Amino acid sequence: MKIQIGALSVGLIALCAHAEPVYQIKSEGAIACESAEALHTAVTSPNGQLPKSCTRLEAGYAFEAINRSDTYVPKSEAEPILGLIYGRPIATANERGSASYFKVLRSAAEPVLDDKGQVVMAKCDYPQTFVTNSLRSGPDGKLYLKQGRVTIKCVNGEMRQIYQPLN
């Protein structure tokens, strides 16, 4: 009898790799920052000086919206500021790097809709690599631990899973 737990774990992890809805910036001058605190400072700053971790985005800039209901509670206030989106740039085909994340005001972005009015989902996700273990029984009945490296990446606009045995 062969026990192959590794195949099940690889399948479950592959299901977890998915892209998120695509949002775009509505108008010029929207601000994106690495933290909610920096975004709050940039939005409430009277002189328009942006913190170093912030940048202005152009109208039409598209990104993946990871969390569309993020909040922030300023140190000087008790109530949270609602309406932040936690996002990242859209992964491209054959992406090799890791994502950089940012926050924008929800009022500055809107979902991208297809011709049927459905929210467009990003086709690719950022690559992931991990090692998986599986127990296999040999002809002598002993159990052996086998390891393999699994890489999930975007190839020609589709997510693909590549398994490479390590031992």
N, C-alpha and C. Protein backbone atom coordinates (compact mmCIF):
# COMPACT_ATOMS: atom_id res chain seq x y z
N MET A 1 0.85 -1.17 0.00
CA MET A 1 0.00 0.00 0.00
C MET A 1 0.90 1.24 0.00
N LYS A 2 0.64 2.16 -0.90
CA LYS A 2 1.44 3.38 -0.97
C LYS A 2 0.70 4.51 -0.27
N ILE A 3 1.43 5.23 0.54
CA ILE A 3 0.88 6.40 1.21
C ILE A 3 1.46 7.62 0.52
N GLN A 4 0.60 8.43 -0.06
CA GLN A 4 1.09 9.59 -0.78
C GLN A 4 0.39 10.85 -0.27
N ILE A 5 0.86 11.30 0.87
CA ILE A 5 0.31 12.50 1.49
C ILE A 5 0.77 13.73 0.74
N GLY A 6 1.97 13.69 0.19
CA GLY A 6 2.54 14.85 -0.49
C GLY A 6 1.70 15.33 -1.65
N ALA A 7 1.16 14.37 -2.43
CA ALA A 7 0.34 14.77 -3.58
C ALA A 7 -0.88 15.55 -3.14
N LEU A 8 -1.48 15.14 -2.04
CA LEU A 8 -2.64 15.85 -1.52
C LEU A 8 -2.26 17.26 -1.08
N SER A 9 -1.13 17.40 -0.37
CA SER A 9 -0.74 18.72 0.09
C SER A 9 -0.38 19.64 -1.08
N VAL A 10 0.24 19.10 -2.13
CA VAL A 10 0.56 19.90 -3.30
C VAL A 10 -0.73 20.39 -3.96
N GLY A 11 -1.72 19.52 -4.07
CA GLY A 11 -2.99 19.90 -4.67
C GLY A 11 -3.70 20.97 -3.88
N LEU A 12 -3.67 20.88 -2.55
CA LEU A 12 -4.33 21.87 -1.72
C LEU A 12 -3.64 23.22 -1.81
N ILE A 13 -2.32 23.23 -1.86
CA ILE A 13 -1.59 24.48 -1.94
C ILE A 13 -1.82 25.13 -3.30
N ALA A 14 -1.91 24.32 -4.36
CA ALA A 14 -2.16 24.87 -5.68
C ALA A 14 -3.51 25.56 -5.74
N LEU A 15 -4.48 25.06 -4.99
CA LEU A 15 -5.79 25.70 -4.95
C LEU A 15 -5.73 27.05 -4.25
N CYS A 16 -4.76 27.23 -3.35
CA CYS A 16 -4.64 28.48 -2.61
C CYS A 16 -4.02 29.59 -3.45
N ALA A 17 -3.29 29.24 -4.49
CA ALA A 17 -2.64 30.24 -5.33
C ALA A 17 -3.66 30.77 -6.32
N HIS A 18 -4.10 31.98 -6.12
CA HIS A 18 -5.07 32.56 -7.03
C HIS A 18 -4.91 34.07 -7.05
N ALA A 19 -5.40 34.63 -8.11
CA ALA A 19 -5.30 36.08 -8.26
C ALA A 19 -6.53 36.74 -7.64
N GLU A 20 -6.46 38.04 -7.49
CA GLU A 20 -7.50 38.83 -6.84
C GLU A 20 -8.18 39.74 -7.85
N PRO A 21 -9.28 40.41 -7.45
CA PRO A 21 -9.96 41.33 -8.36
C PRO A 21 -9.06 42.50 -8.77
N VAL A 22 -9.26 42.97 -9.99
CA VAL A 22 -8.49 44.09 -10.50
C VAL A 22 -9.27 45.39 -10.25
N TYR A 23 -8.60 46.36 -9.68
CA TYR A 23 -9.16 47.70 -9.46
C TYR A 23 -8.30 48.69 -10.23
N GLN A 24 -8.85 49.86 -10.53
CA GLN A 24 -8.07 50.89 -11.19
C GLN A 24 -8.32 52.24 -10.52
N ILE A 25 -7.33 53.11 -10.64
CA ILE A 25 -7.42 54.45 -10.07
C ILE A 25 -8.36 55.28 -10.94
N LYS A 26 -9.29 56.00 -10.28
CA LYS A 26 -10.30 56.78 -11.00
C LYS A 26 -9.78 58.10 -11.56
N SER A 27 -8.96 58.81 -10.80
CA SER A 27 -8.54 60.14 -11.25
C SER A 27 -7.07 60.39 -10.89
N GLU A 28 -6.50 61.38 -11.56
CA GLU A 28 -5.09 61.74 -11.33
C GLU A 28 -4.85 62.14 -9.87
N GLY A 29 -3.65 61.87 -9.40
CA GLY A 29 -3.24 62.35 -8.09
C GLY A 29 -3.59 61.46 -6.92
N ALA A 30 -4.14 60.29 -7.16
CA ALA A 30 -4.41 59.38 -6.05
C ALA A 30 -3.09 58.99 -5.39
N ILE A 31 -3.13 58.78 -4.10
CA ILE A 31 -1.91 58.50 -3.35
C ILE A 31 -1.90 57.04 -2.91
N ALA A 32 -0.76 56.39 -3.09
CA ALA A 32 -0.54 55.03 -2.61
C ALA A 32 0.65 55.05 -1.66
N CYS A 33 0.49 54.39 -0.50
CA CYS A 33 1.55 54.36 0.51
C CYS A 33 1.77 52.94 1.00
N GLU A 34 2.95 52.70 1.55
CA GLU A 34 3.26 51.38 2.08
C GLU A 34 2.51 51.08 3.36
N SER A 35 2.09 52.08 4.10
CA SER A 35 1.37 51.86 5.35
C SER A 35 0.15 52.77 5.42
N ALA A 36 -0.83 52.38 6.22
CA ALA A 36 -2.03 53.19 6.41
C ALA A 36 -1.69 54.48 7.14
N GLU A 37 -0.74 54.42 8.04
CA GLU A 37 -0.34 55.62 8.77
C GLU A 37 0.25 56.67 7.81
N ALA A 38 1.10 56.23 6.90
CA ALA A 38 1.69 57.15 5.92
C ALA A 38 0.61 57.69 4.98
N LEU A 39 -0.36 56.86 4.61
CA LEU A 39 -1.45 57.32 3.76
C LEU A 39 -2.29 58.38 4.47
N HIS A 40 -2.57 58.15 5.74
CA HIS A 40 -3.34 59.13 6.53
C HIS A 40 -2.57 60.45 6.61
N THR A 41 -1.28 60.39 6.84
CA THR A 41 -0.44 61.59 6.91
C THR A 41 -0.45 62.33 5.57
N ALA A 42 -0.34 61.58 4.47
CA ALA A 42 -0.31 62.20 3.15
C ALA A 42 -1.63 62.87 2.81
N VAL A 43 -2.74 62.24 3.17
CA VAL A 43 -4.06 62.78 2.84
C VAL A 43 -4.40 63.99 3.69
N THR A 44 -3.98 63.99 4.94
CA THR A 44 -4.32 65.08 5.85
C THR A 44 -3.26 66.18 5.88
N SER A 45 -2.17 66.02 5.17
CA SER A 45 -1.09 67.02 5.17
C SER A 45 -1.53 68.27 4.40
N PRO A 46 -1.49 69.43 5.06
CA PRO A 46 -1.95 70.66 4.40
C PRO A 46 -1.00 71.16 3.30
N ASN A 47 0.27 70.84 3.39
CA ASN A 47 1.22 71.37 2.40
C ASN A 47 1.41 70.45 1.20
N GLY A 48 0.78 69.28 1.20
CA GLY A 48 0.86 68.37 0.07
C GLY A 48 2.15 67.60 -0.04
N GLN A 49 3.01 67.69 0.99
CA GLN A 49 4.28 66.96 1.01
C GLN A 49 3.98 65.48 1.28
N LEU A 50 4.46 64.60 0.42
CA LEU A 50 4.23 63.16 0.59
C LEU A 50 5.33 62.53 1.44
N PRO A 51 4.97 61.61 2.33
CA PRO A 51 6.00 60.84 3.03
C PRO A 51 6.82 60.02 2.03
N LYS A 52 8.01 59.61 2.41
CA LYS A 52 8.91 58.88 1.51
C LYS A 52 8.32 57.57 1.02
N SER A 53 7.45 56.94 1.80
CA SER A 53 6.88 55.65 1.42
C SER A 53 5.62 55.79 0.56
N CYS A 54 5.34 57.00 0.08
CA CYS A 54 4.14 57.25 -0.72
C CYS A 54 4.50 57.70 -2.12
N THR A 55 3.55 57.48 -3.03
CA THR A 55 3.71 57.93 -4.41
C THR A 55 2.34 58.28 -4.97
N ARG A 56 2.32 59.13 -5.98
CA ARG A 56 1.07 59.47 -6.65
C ARG A 56 0.88 58.51 -7.83
N LEU A 57 -0.38 58.10 -8.03
CA LEU A 57 -0.71 57.19 -9.12
C LEU A 57 -1.49 57.92 -10.20
N GLU A 58 -1.31 57.50 -11.43
CA GLU A 58 -2.02 58.08 -12.56
C GLU A 58 -3.41 57.46 -12.69
N ALA A 59 -4.32 58.18 -13.29
CA ALA A 59 -5.66 57.65 -13.56
C ALA A 59 -5.53 56.44 -14.48
N GLY A 60 -6.28 55.40 -14.20
CA GLY A 60 -6.24 54.19 -15.00
C GLY A 60 -5.24 53.15 -14.54
N TYR A 61 -4.39 53.50 -13.55
CA TYR A 61 -3.42 52.52 -13.03
C TYR A 61 -4.19 51.34 -12.45
N ALA A 62 -3.91 50.14 -12.93
CA ALA A 62 -4.62 48.94 -12.48
C ALA A 62 -3.76 48.16 -11.49
N PHE A 63 -4.42 47.56 -10.49
CA PHE A 63 -3.73 46.77 -9.47
C PHE A 63 -4.67 45.70 -8.93
N GLU A 64 -4.09 44.71 -8.25
CA GLU A 64 -4.89 43.69 -7.59
C GLU A 64 -5.30 44.20 -6.21
N ALA A 65 -6.58 44.11 -5.91
CA ALA A 65 -7.09 44.55 -4.61
C ALA A 65 -7.16 43.34 -3.69
N ILE A 66 -6.19 43.22 -2.80
CA ILE A 66 -6.09 42.07 -1.91
C ILE A 66 -7.14 42.15 -0.80
N ASN A 67 -7.24 43.29 -0.14
CA ASN A 67 -8.22 43.50 0.93
C ASN A 67 -8.94 44.81 0.62
N ARG A 68 -10.23 44.72 0.37
CA ARG A 68 -10.99 45.90 -0.04
C ARG A 68 -11.76 46.54 1.10
N SER A 69 -11.52 46.10 2.32
CA SER A 69 -12.23 46.67 3.48
C SER A 69 -11.27 46.91 4.64
N ASP A 70 -10.09 47.39 4.33
CA ASP A 70 -9.08 47.66 5.34
C ASP A 70 -9.43 48.94 6.09
N THR A 71 -8.97 49.06 7.32
CA THR A 71 -9.23 50.25 8.13
C THR A 71 -7.94 50.73 8.78
N TYR A 72 -8.01 51.93 9.36
CA TYR A 72 -6.87 52.49 10.08
C TYR A 72 -7.40 53.37 11.20
N VAL A 73 -6.81 53.24 12.39
CA VAL A 73 -7.19 54.07 13.52
C VAL A 73 -6.01 55.00 13.83
N PRO A 74 -6.16 56.30 13.52
CA PRO A 74 -5.08 57.25 13.84
C PRO A 74 -4.85 57.32 15.34
N LYS A 75 -3.63 57.62 15.74
CA LYS A 75 -3.30 57.69 17.17
C LYS A 75 -4.08 58.77 17.89
N SER A 76 -4.45 59.83 17.19
CA SER A 76 -5.16 60.94 17.82
C SER A 76 -6.67 60.77 17.85
N GLU A 77 -7.19 59.70 17.24
CA GLU A 77 -8.63 59.49 17.18
C GLU A 77 -8.99 58.11 17.70
N ALA A 78 -10.25 57.94 18.07
CA ALA A 78 -10.70 56.65 18.59
C ALA A 78 -11.42 55.82 17.54
N GLU A 79 -11.99 56.47 16.54
CA GLU A 79 -12.75 55.77 15.51
C GLU A 79 -11.85 55.41 14.33
N PRO A 80 -12.04 54.22 13.77
CA PRO A 80 -11.22 53.86 12.60
C PRO A 80 -11.64 54.63 11.36
N ILE A 81 -10.68 54.84 10.48
CA ILE A 81 -10.95 55.41 9.17
C ILE A 81 -11.23 54.23 8.25
N LEU A 82 -12.42 54.21 7.70
CA LEU A 82 -12.81 53.11 6.83
C LEU A 82 -12.47 53.45 5.39
N GLY A 83 -12.50 52.43 4.55
CA GLY A 83 -12.35 52.68 3.13
C GLY A 83 -10.93 52.69 2.60
N LEU A 84 -10.09 51.79 3.08
CA LEU A 84 -8.76 51.62 2.52
C LEU A 84 -8.71 50.33 1.73
N ILE A 85 -7.95 50.32 0.67
CA ILE A 85 -7.74 49.10 -0.11
C ILE A 85 -6.27 48.73 0.01
N TYR A 86 -6.01 47.47 0.35
CA TYR A 86 -4.66 46.93 0.42
C TYR A 86 -4.42 46.22 -0.92
N GLY A 87 -3.45 46.68 -1.69
CA GLY A 87 -3.26 46.13 -3.03
C GLY A 87 -1.81 45.87 -3.37
N ARG A 88 -1.62 45.37 -4.59
CA ARG A 88 -0.28 45.11 -5.12
C ARG A 88 -0.35 45.23 -6.64
N PRO A 89 0.78 45.51 -7.29
CA PRO A 89 0.78 45.57 -8.76
C PRO A 89 0.35 44.22 -9.35
N ILE A 90 -0.19 44.26 -10.54
CA ILE A 90 -0.61 43.03 -11.21
C ILE A 90 0.63 42.26 -11.65
N ALA A 91 0.64 40.96 -11.38
CA ALA A 91 1.76 40.11 -11.78
C ALA A 91 1.74 39.95 -13.30
N THR A 92 2.90 39.96 -13.90
CA THR A 92 3.00 39.78 -15.34
C THR A 92 3.36 38.34 -15.65
N ALA A 93 3.23 37.96 -16.92
CA ALA A 93 3.62 36.62 -17.33
C ALA A 93 5.11 36.43 -17.04
N ASN A 94 5.46 35.26 -16.59
CA ASN A 94 6.85 34.91 -16.23
C ASN A 94 7.42 35.84 -15.17
N GLU A 95 6.58 36.26 -14.23
CA GLU A 95 7.00 37.10 -13.11
C GLU A 95 8.05 36.36 -12.29
N ARG A 96 9.10 37.05 -11.90
CA ARG A 96 10.16 36.42 -11.12
C ARG A 96 10.28 37.02 -9.72
N GLY A 97 9.85 38.23 -9.56
CA GLY A 97 10.01 38.90 -8.28
C GLY A 97 8.86 38.66 -7.33
N SER A 98 8.97 39.27 -6.18
CA SER A 98 7.87 39.18 -5.21
C SER A 98 7.10 40.49 -5.25
N ALA A 99 5.89 40.45 -4.77
CA ALA A 99 5.01 41.61 -4.84
C ALA A 99 5.41 42.68 -3.85
N SER A 100 5.14 43.93 -4.20
CA SER A 100 5.25 45.05 -3.27
C SER A 100 3.83 45.50 -2.97
N TYR A 101 3.52 45.72 -1.73
CA TYR A 101 2.15 46.02 -1.32
C TYR A 101 2.00 47.49 -0.97
N PHE A 102 0.78 48.01 -1.14
CA PHE A 102 0.50 49.41 -0.84
C PHE A 102 -0.96 49.57 -0.43
N LYS A 103 -1.29 50.75 0.08
CA LYS A 103 -2.66 51.07 0.49
C LYS A 103 -3.10 52.34 -0.24
N VAL A 104 -4.36 52.34 -0.68
CA VAL A 104 -4.97 53.51 -1.31
C VAL A 104 -6.34 53.72 -0.70
N LEU A 105 -6.86 54.92 -0.83
CA LEU A 105 -8.23 55.18 -0.38
C LEU A 105 -9.21 54.50 -1.32
N ARG A 106 -10.23 53.89 -0.75
CA ARG A 106 -11.23 53.21 -1.56
C ARG A 106 -11.93 54.19 -2.49
N SER A 107 -12.10 55.42 -2.07
CA SER A 107 -12.76 56.43 -2.90
C SER A 107 -11.94 56.78 -4.14
N ALA A 108 -10.66 56.43 -4.17
CA ALA A 108 -9.79 56.76 -5.30
C ALA A 108 -9.76 55.65 -6.35
N ALA A 109 -10.37 54.49 -6.06
CA ALA A 109 -10.29 53.35 -6.97
C ALA A 109 -11.67 52.76 -7.22
N GLU A 110 -11.78 52.04 -8.32
CA GLU A 110 -13.02 51.35 -8.66
C GLU A 110 -12.68 50.02 -9.30
N PRO A 111 -13.58 49.04 -9.22
CA PRO A 111 -13.30 47.74 -9.84
C PRO A 111 -13.34 47.84 -11.36
N VAL A 112 -12.54 47.03 -12.01
CA VAL A 112 -12.55 46.93 -13.47
C VAL A 112 -13.58 45.86 -13.82
N LEU A 113 -14.53 46.21 -14.68
CA LEU A 113 -15.61 45.31 -15.06
C LEU A 113 -15.46 44.86 -16.51
N ASP A 114 -15.85 43.60 -16.77
CA ASP A 114 -15.83 43.12 -18.15
C ASP A 114 -17.11 43.55 -18.86
N ASP A 115 -17.32 43.10 -20.09
CA ASP A 115 -18.48 43.52 -20.87
C ASP A 115 -19.81 43.00 -20.31
N LYS A 116 -19.75 42.01 -19.41
CA LYS A 116 -20.97 41.48 -18.77
C LYS A 116 -21.23 42.12 -17.41
N GLY A 117 -20.36 43.05 -17.00
CA GLY A 117 -20.53 43.71 -15.72
C GLY A 117 -19.92 42.96 -14.55
N GLN A 118 -19.15 41.91 -14.81
CA GLN A 118 -18.49 41.13 -13.77
C GLN A 118 -17.11 41.72 -13.48
N VAL A 119 -16.69 41.61 -12.23
CA VAL A 119 -15.36 42.11 -11.84
C VAL A 119 -14.29 41.25 -12.51
N VAL A 120 -13.32 41.90 -13.11
CA VAL A 120 -12.21 41.21 -13.77
C VAL A 120 -11.24 40.72 -12.71
N MET A 121 -10.81 39.48 -12.83
CA MET A 121 -9.82 38.90 -11.93
C MET A 121 -8.47 38.87 -12.64
N ALA A 122 -7.42 39.13 -11.90
CA ALA A 122 -6.07 39.05 -12.48
C ALA A 122 -5.82 37.62 -12.93
N LYS A 123 -5.17 37.45 -14.07
CA LYS A 123 -4.95 36.12 -14.62
C LYS A 123 -3.83 35.38 -13.93
N CYS A 124 -2.86 36.12 -13.43
CA CYS A 124 -1.69 35.47 -12.84
C CYS A 124 -1.45 35.96 -11.43
N ASP A 125 -0.77 35.13 -10.67
CA ASP A 125 -0.38 35.46 -9.31
C ASP A 125 1.15 35.48 -9.27
N TYR A 126 1.70 35.98 -8.20
CA TYR A 126 3.15 35.99 -8.05
C TYR A 126 3.65 34.57 -7.79
N PRO A 127 4.87 34.25 -8.24
CA PRO A 127 5.37 32.88 -8.08
C PRO A 127 5.56 32.49 -6.62
N GLN A 128 5.37 31.22 -6.36
CA GLN A 128 5.58 30.65 -5.03
C GLN A 128 6.42 29.39 -5.18
N THR A 129 7.33 29.18 -4.26
CA THR A 129 8.14 27.97 -4.25
C THR A 129 8.18 27.44 -2.84
N PHE A 130 8.01 26.14 -2.70
CA PHE A 130 8.06 25.50 -1.38
C PHE A 130 8.47 24.05 -1.55
N VAL A 131 8.85 23.43 -0.44
CA VAL A 131 9.23 22.03 -0.42
C VAL A 131 8.11 21.24 0.23
N THR A 132 7.77 20.11 -0.39
CA THR A 132 6.71 19.26 0.14
C THR A 132 7.29 17.88 0.46
N ASN A 133 6.69 17.21 1.42
CA ASN A 133 7.13 15.88 1.83
C ASN A 133 6.04 14.87 1.51
N SER A 134 6.45 13.64 1.20
CA SER A 134 5.49 12.55 1.03
C SER A 134 6.13 11.27 1.55
N LEU A 135 5.31 10.44 2.15
CA LEU A 135 5.77 9.13 2.61
C LEU A 135 5.41 8.09 1.57
N ARG A 136 6.39 7.26 1.20
CA ARG A 136 6.16 6.22 0.21
C ARG A 136 6.68 4.90 0.78
N SER A 137 5.95 3.85 0.49
CA SER A 137 6.40 2.54 0.98
C SER A 137 7.20 1.86 -0.12
N GLY A 138 8.31 1.26 0.29
CA GLY A 138 9.17 0.56 -0.64
C GLY A 138 8.73 -0.88 -0.79
N PRO A 139 9.37 -1.63 -1.67
CA PRO A 139 9.03 -3.04 -1.89
C PRO A 139 9.24 -3.89 -0.63
N ASP A 140 10.12 -3.42 0.27
CA ASP A 140 10.37 -4.15 1.50
C ASP A 140 9.37 -3.80 2.61
N GLY A 141 8.44 -2.88 2.32
CA GLY A 141 7.42 -2.50 3.30
C GLY A 141 7.82 -1.33 4.18
N LYS A 142 9.06 -0.87 4.07
CA LYS A 142 9.49 0.27 4.87
C LYS A 142 8.98 1.57 4.26
N LEU A 143 8.79 2.56 5.12
CA LEU A 143 8.35 3.88 4.66
C LEU A 143 9.56 4.76 4.39
N TYR A 144 9.51 5.48 3.29
CA TYR A 144 10.58 6.38 2.92
C TYR A 144 10.00 7.78 2.75
N LEU A 145 10.75 8.78 3.23
CA LEU A 145 10.34 10.16 3.09
C LEU A 145 10.94 10.73 1.80
N LYS A 146 10.09 11.17 0.92
CA LYS A 146 10.52 11.79 -0.33
C LYS A 146 10.19 13.27 -0.27
N GLN A 147 11.09 14.08 -0.78
CA GLN A 147 10.88 15.52 -0.82
C GLN A 147 10.91 16.01 -2.26
N GLY A 148 10.15 17.07 -2.49
CA GLY A 148 10.14 17.68 -3.82
C GLY A 148 9.91 19.18 -3.71
N ARG A 149 10.44 19.91 -4.66
CA ARG A 149 10.25 21.35 -4.71
C ARG A 149 9.10 21.63 -5.67
N VAL A 150 8.13 22.38 -5.20
CA VAL A 150 6.99 22.77 -6.01
C VAL A 150 7.10 24.26 -6.31
N THR A 151 7.01 24.60 -7.57
CA THR A 151 7.01 26.00 -7.99
C THR A 151 5.70 26.26 -8.72
N ILE A 152 5.00 27.29 -8.27
CA ILE A 152 3.76 27.70 -8.92
C ILE A 152 4.04 29.05 -9.55
N LYS A 153 3.89 29.14 -10.87
CA LYS A 153 4.18 30.40 -11.55
C LYS A 153 3.28 30.57 -12.76
N CYS A 154 3.28 31.77 -13.28
CA CYS A 154 2.46 32.12 -14.43
C CYS A 154 3.23 31.80 -15.71
N VAL A 155 2.63 30.98 -16.57
CA VAL A 155 3.23 30.65 -17.85
C VAL A 155 2.17 30.88 -18.93
N ASN A 156 2.44 31.78 -19.85
CA ASN A 156 1.51 32.11 -20.93
C ASN A 156 0.12 32.48 -20.42
N GLY A 157 0.05 33.26 -19.36
CA GLY A 157 -1.22 33.74 -18.85
C GLY A 157 -1.99 32.76 -17.99
N GLU A 158 -1.40 31.63 -17.64
CA GLU A 158 -2.05 30.63 -16.79
C GLU A 158 -1.10 30.21 -15.67
N MET A 159 -1.68 29.92 -14.51
CA MET A 159 -0.87 29.44 -13.40
C MET A 159 -0.52 27.98 -13.63
N ARG A 160 0.75 27.65 -13.51
CA ARG A 160 1.24 26.28 -13.70
C ARG A 160 2.01 25.85 -12.46
N GLN A 161 1.92 24.55 -12.19
CA GLN A 161 2.61 23.95 -11.05
C GLN A 161 3.70 23.03 -11.59
N ILE A 162 4.93 23.21 -11.10
CA ILE A 162 6.07 22.41 -11.55
C ILE A 162 6.65 21.69 -10.33
N TYR A 163 6.78 20.35 -10.44
CA TYR A 163 7.30 19.54 -9.34
C TYR A 163 8.69 19.04 -9.73
N GLN A 164 9.65 19.21 -8.81
CA GLN A 164 11.02 18.73 -9.04
C GLN A 164 11.43 17.88 -7.85
N PRO A 165 11.68 16.58 -8.05
CA PRO A 165 12.10 15.72 -6.94
C PRO A 165 13.46 16.18 -6.37
N LEU A 166 13.60 16.13 -5.06
CA LEU A 166 14.86 16.51 -4.42
C LEU A 166 15.67 15.30 -3.95
N ASN A 167 14.99 14.19 -3.67
CA ASN A 167 15.74 12.98 -3.27
C ASN A 167 15.06 11.75 -3.78
